[in-house]
Amino acid sequence: MTASRDVVFRDRYGLHPRAAMRISQTAARFSARVTLEDLTAGSPPVEARSMLALVGAAIRAGNRVRVAADGDDGEAAAAAIADLLEGGVCHPGG
């Protein structure tokens, strides 16, 4: 099943290494392939399980991000990652 959610990235320091680690660990709990796409910057989607790809995406606080998940547990994966991003990952308030 494919699912996607558009959210605002709310970690006040942007997508830094600790936030990338939490996102990749959350994505790893699911069998679905999860990607993040920075809609504000117009960047291509990056794999949510890859810390290096996430940090390289340089998503800033307040940017709109599309969370897309494809797989049997895609709905749950998209919801978990979207909730994490909207909740501020490590530093709420962005």
Protein backbone atom coordinates (compact mmCIF):
# COMPACT_ATOMS: atom_id res chain seq x y z
CA MET A 1 0.00 0.00 0.00
CA THR A 2 1.23 3.48 -0.85
CA ALA A 3 0.61 6.38 1.51
CA SER A 4 1.83 9.95 1.70
CA ARG A 5 1.44 12.88 4.03
CA ASP A 6 2.54 16.49 3.66
CA VAL A 7 3.75 18.04 6.91
CA VAL A 8 5.79 20.97 8.20
CA PHE A 9 9.23 20.07 9.55
CA ARG A 10 9.25 21.47 13.08
CA ASP A 11 12.72 20.76 14.54
CA ARG A 12 14.02 24.27 15.21
CA TYR A 13 17.57 23.33 14.15
CA GLY A 14 16.55 21.72 10.86
CA LEU A 15 17.45 18.18 9.86
CA HIS A 16 20.68 17.63 11.81
CA PRO A 17 22.46 14.31 12.46
CA ARG A 18 20.59 13.40 15.67
CA ALA A 19 17.24 14.10 14.01
CA ALA A 20 18.34 12.05 10.98
CA MET A 21 19.21 9.15 13.30
CA ARG A 22 15.77 9.24 14.95
CA ILE A 23 14.01 9.39 11.58
CA SER A 24 16.07 6.51 10.14
CA GLN A 25 15.50 4.39 13.27
CA THR A 26 11.76 5.01 13.05
CA ALA A 27 11.71 4.14 9.33
CA ALA A 28 13.65 0.92 10.03
CA ARG A 29 10.78 -0.34 12.22
CA PHE A 30 8.65 -0.77 9.10
CA SER A 31 9.00 -2.94 6.01
CA ALA A 32 7.69 -0.14 3.76
CA ARG A 33 10.12 1.97 1.73
CA VAL A 34 9.87 5.49 3.16
CA THR A 35 11.09 8.67 1.47
CA LEU A 36 11.13 12.34 2.43
CA GLU A 37 10.82 15.09 -0.16
CA ASP A 38 11.48 18.75 0.70
CA LEU A 39 8.63 20.47 -1.14
CA THR A 40 9.77 23.95 -0.09
CA ALA A 41 13.25 23.54 -1.57
CA GLY A 42 12.04 21.44 -4.51
CA SER A 43 14.57 18.71 -3.72
CA PRO A 44 14.18 15.11 -4.91
CA PRO A 45 13.00 12.45 -2.44
CA VAL A 46 15.58 10.83 -0.17
CA GLU A 47 15.50 7.44 1.53
CA ALA A 48 14.37 7.78 5.15
CA ARG A 49 16.51 4.83 6.31
CA SER A 50 19.71 6.56 5.18
CA MET A 51 21.14 8.99 7.74
CA LEU A 52 23.60 10.31 5.17
CA ALA A 53 20.84 11.01 2.63
CA LEU A 54 18.70 12.69 5.29
CA VAL A 55 21.48 14.99 6.49
CA GLY A 56 22.40 15.75 2.88
CA ALA A 57 18.80 16.81 2.20
CA ALA A 58 19.39 19.81 4.51
CA ILE A 59 15.70 20.24 5.32
CA ARG A 60 15.16 23.44 7.29
CA ALA A 61 12.74 24.21 10.09
CA GLY A 62 9.40 25.30 8.68
CA ASN A 63 9.86 23.58 5.31
CA ARG A 64 6.98 21.53 3.89
CA VAL A 65 7.95 17.88 3.55
CA ARG A 66 6.19 15.00 1.82
CA VAL A 67 6.50 11.67 3.61
CA ALA A 68 5.80 8.81 1.19
CA ALA A 69 5.73 5.13 2.12
CA ASP A 70 5.26 2.14 -0.16
CA GLY A 71 4.67 -1.30 1.30
CA ASP A 72 2.32 -3.42 3.39
CA ASP A 73 2.66 -1.13 6.40
CA GLY A 74 2.94 2.07 4.36
CA GLU A 75 0.10 3.86 6.15
CA ALA A 76 1.59 3.21 9.58
CA ALA A 77 5.10 4.14 8.42
CA ALA A 78 3.99 7.41 6.82
CA ALA A 79 1.97 8.31 9.92
CA ALA A 80 4.85 7.54 12.32
CA ILE A 81 7.41 9.57 10.37
CA ALA A 82 4.98 12.44 9.74
CA ASP A 83 4.11 12.62 13.44
CA LEU A 84 7.81 12.65 14.30
CA LEU A 85 8.52 15.53 11.89
CA GLU A 86 5.52 17.57 13.02
CA GLY A 87 6.46 16.94 16.66
CA GLY A 88 9.90 18.51 16.21
CA VAL A 89 11.98 15.28 16.18
CA CYS A 90 14.58 16.38 18.79
CA HIS A 91 13.97 20.11 19.26
CA PRO A 92 10.29 21.09 18.97
CA GLY A 93 9.46 24.62 18.02
CA GLY A 94 10.72 25.09 14.45
